[in-house]
Amino acid sequence: MANETPRSGHTAGAFDIRVIIAALFAIYGLVLLVVGVVATAPEDVAKAAGININLWSGVGMLVFTALFVLWARLRPIRVPDESAHQ
C-alpha cells in the first residue's frame, strides 16, 4: 500500500518538513509572546476588545509547535536506503 512506511532506512530527522514548520512557528510564537508580555500598551488591548492578542497568538503558535513536534516524533518519516532499491 502507498501509505505504509518502509521497514528499512533512516528517518528524515531535521529535514522533515514538519520540523521546519514547527521551528518557524516557534520563532514567531516566541516573538509574539515576548511582545505580548513586554510591549503591549493598555490602548492596544482596548483596541482588541480587551484581549492581549499578541500574547494569546504567541501561546497558540507555541501549542501548534508542540503538536507538530509531537507528531514528527511519534510518526517519523522513513527515508529508504539506497541499497534497498538495488
C-alpha atoms as a PDB file:
ATOM      1  CA  MET A   1       0.000   0.000   0.000  1.00  0.00           C
ATOM      2  CA  ALA A   2       1.099   3.564  -0.590  1.00  0.00           C
ATOM      3  CA  ASN A   3       0.724   4.729   2.998  1.00  0.00           C
ATOM      4  CA  GLU A   4       2.930   2.060   4.568  1.00  0.00           C
ATOM      5  CA  THR A   5       6.257   3.185   5.944  1.00  0.00           C
ATOM      6  CA  PRO A   6       9.295   1.246   4.765  1.00  0.00           C
ATOM      7  CA  ARG A   7      10.819  -1.136   7.284  1.00  0.00           C
ATOM      8  CA  SER A   8      14.412  -0.267   6.409  1.00  0.00           C
ATOM      9  CA  GLY A   9      16.019   3.130   6.128  1.00  0.00           C
ATOM     10  CA  HIS A  10      16.535   6.105   8.353  1.00  0.00           C
ATOM     11  CA  THR A  11      14.312   8.946   9.487  1.00  0.00           C
ATOM     12  CA  ALA A  12      14.237  12.333   7.792  1.00  0.00           C
ATOM     13  CA  GLY A  13      15.131  13.975  11.113  1.00  0.00           C
ATOM     14  CA  ALA A  14      15.817  17.700  10.839  1.00  0.00           C
ATOM     15  CA  PHE A  15      14.877  17.676   7.148  1.00  0.00           C
ATOM     16  CA  ASP A  16      11.301  16.622   7.900  1.00  0.00           C
ATOM     17  CA  ILE A  17       9.061  19.476   6.717  1.00  0.00           C
ATOM     18  CA  ARG A  18       7.062  19.250   9.951  1.00  0.00           C
ATOM     19  CA  VAL A  19      10.166  20.115  11.973  1.00  0.00           C
ATOM     20  CA  ILE A  20      10.926  23.098   9.728  1.00  0.00           C
ATOM     21  CA  ILE A  21       7.349  24.387  10.009  1.00  0.00           C
ATOM     22  CA  ALA A  22       7.435  23.871  13.783  1.00  0.00           C
ATOM     23  CA  ALA A  23      10.694  25.835  14.048  1.00  0.00           C
ATOM     24  CA  LEU A  24       9.231  28.769  12.109  1.00  0.00           C
ATOM     25  CA  PHE A  25       6.083  28.775  14.231  1.00  0.00           C
ATOM     26  CA  ALA A  26       8.225  28.594  17.383  1.00  0.00           C
ATOM     27  CA  ILE A  27      10.235  31.654  16.344  1.00  0.00           C
ATOM     28  CA  TYR A  28       7.145  33.709  15.504  1.00  0.00           C
ATOM     29  CA  GLY A  29       5.324  32.433  18.581  1.00  0.00           C
ATOM     30  CA  LEU A  30       8.168  33.427  20.895  1.00  0.00           C
ATOM     31  CA  VAL A  31       8.366  36.890  19.319  1.00  0.00           C
ATOM     32  CA  LEU A  32       4.621  37.417  19.777  1.00  0.00           C
ATOM     33  CA  LEU A  33       4.750  36.071  23.319  1.00  0.00           C
ATOM     34  CA  VAL A  34       7.550  38.471  24.288  1.00  0.00           C
ATOM     35  CA  VAL A  35       5.809  41.409  22.601  1.00  0.00           C
ATOM     36  CA  GLY A  36       2.563  40.485  24.339  1.00  0.00           C
ATOM     37  CA  VAL A  37       4.209  40.371  27.760  1.00  0.00           C
ATOM     38  CA  VAL A  38       6.648  43.284  27.451  1.00  0.00           C
ATOM     39  CA  ALA A  39       5.487  45.797  24.861  1.00  0.00           C
ATOM     40  CA  THR A  40       1.686  45.792  24.853  1.00  0.00           C
ATOM     41  CA  ALA A  41       0.113  49.056  25.935  1.00  0.00           C
ATOM     42  CA  PRO A  42      -3.335  49.262  27.528  1.00  0.00           C
ATOM     43  CA  GLU A  43      -4.524  51.162  24.435  1.00  0.00           C
ATOM     44  CA  ASP A  44      -3.573  48.182  22.268  1.00  0.00           C
ATOM     45  CA  VAL A  45      -5.525  45.827  24.500  1.00  0.00           C
ATOM     46  CA  ALA A  46      -8.530  48.163  24.367  1.00  0.00           C
ATOM     47  CA  LYS A  47      -8.423  48.130  20.535  1.00  0.00           C
ATOM     48  CA  ALA A  48      -8.551  44.315  20.579  1.00  0.00           C
ATOM     49  CA  ALA A  49     -11.748  44.094  22.665  1.00  0.00           C
ATOM     50  CA  GLY A  50      -9.825  43.678  25.917  1.00  0.00           C
ATOM     51  CA  ILE A  51      -7.730  40.731  24.736  1.00  0.00           C
ATOM     52  CA  ASN A  52      -3.938  40.777  24.621  1.00  0.00           C
ATOM     53  CA  ILE A  53      -3.936  39.396  21.088  1.00  0.00           C
ATOM     54  CA  ASN A  54      -0.143  39.186  20.766  1.00  0.00           C
ATOM     55  CA  LEU A  55       0.129  37.136  23.937  1.00  0.00           C
ATOM     56  CA  TRP A  56      -2.628  34.683  23.014  1.00  0.00           C
ATOM     57  CA  SER A  57      -1.468  34.372  19.407  1.00  0.00           C
ATOM     58  CA  GLY A  58       2.024  33.550  20.674  1.00  0.00           C
ATOM     59  CA  VAL A  59       0.666  30.937  23.074  1.00  0.00           C
ATOM     60  CA  GLY A  60      -1.431  29.412  20.286  1.00  0.00           C
ATOM     61  CA  MET A  61       1.560  29.246  17.955  1.00  0.00           C
ATOM     62  CA  LEU A  62       3.676  27.565  20.625  1.00  0.00           C
ATOM     63  CA  VAL A  63       0.937  24.983  21.252  1.00  0.00           C
ATOM     64  CA  PHE A  64       0.798  24.378  17.488  1.00  0.00           C
ATOM     65  CA  THR A  65       4.599  23.970  17.527  1.00  0.00           C
ATOM     66  CA  ALA A  66       4.405  21.400  20.319  1.00  0.00           C
ATOM     67  CA  LEU A  67       1.768  19.414  18.413  1.00  0.00           C
ATOM     68  CA  PHE A  68       3.862  19.397  15.236  1.00  0.00           C
ATOM     69  CA  VAL A  69       6.977  18.259  17.113  1.00  0.00           C
ATOM     70  CA  LEU A  70       4.970  15.547  18.868  1.00  0.00           C
ATOM     71  CA  TRP A  71       3.573  14.405  15.516  1.00  0.00           C
ATOM     72  CA  ALA A  72       7.068  14.294  13.979  1.00  0.00           C
ATOM     73  CA  ARG A  73       8.419  12.305  16.952  1.00  0.00           C
ATOM     74  CA  LEU A  74       5.566   9.792  17.072  1.00  0.00           C
ATOM     75  CA  ARG A  75       5.292   9.240  13.296  1.00  0.00           C
ATOM     76  CA  PRO A  76       8.750   9.871  11.772  1.00  0.00           C
ATOM     77  CA  ILE A  77       9.126   9.862   8.012  1.00  0.00           C
ATOM     78  CA  ARG A  78      11.293   6.946   6.879  1.00  0.00           C
ATOM     79  CA  VAL A  79      13.719   7.513   4.025  1.00  0.00           C
ATOM     80  CA  PRO A  80      14.633   4.258   2.268  1.00  0.00           C
ATOM     81  CA  ASP A  81      18.302   3.359   1.993  1.00  0.00           C
ATOM     82  CA  GLU A  82      19.862   3.392  -1.467  1.00  0.00           C
ATOM     83  CA  SER A  83      20.916  -0.261  -1.142  1.00  0.00           C
ATOM     84  CA  ALA A  84      17.306  -1.330  -0.563  1.00  0.00           C
ATOM     85  CA  HIS A  85      16.339  -0.261  -4.103  1.00  0.00           C
ATOM     86  CA  GLN A  86      19.040  -2.313  -5.816  1.00  0.00           C
END
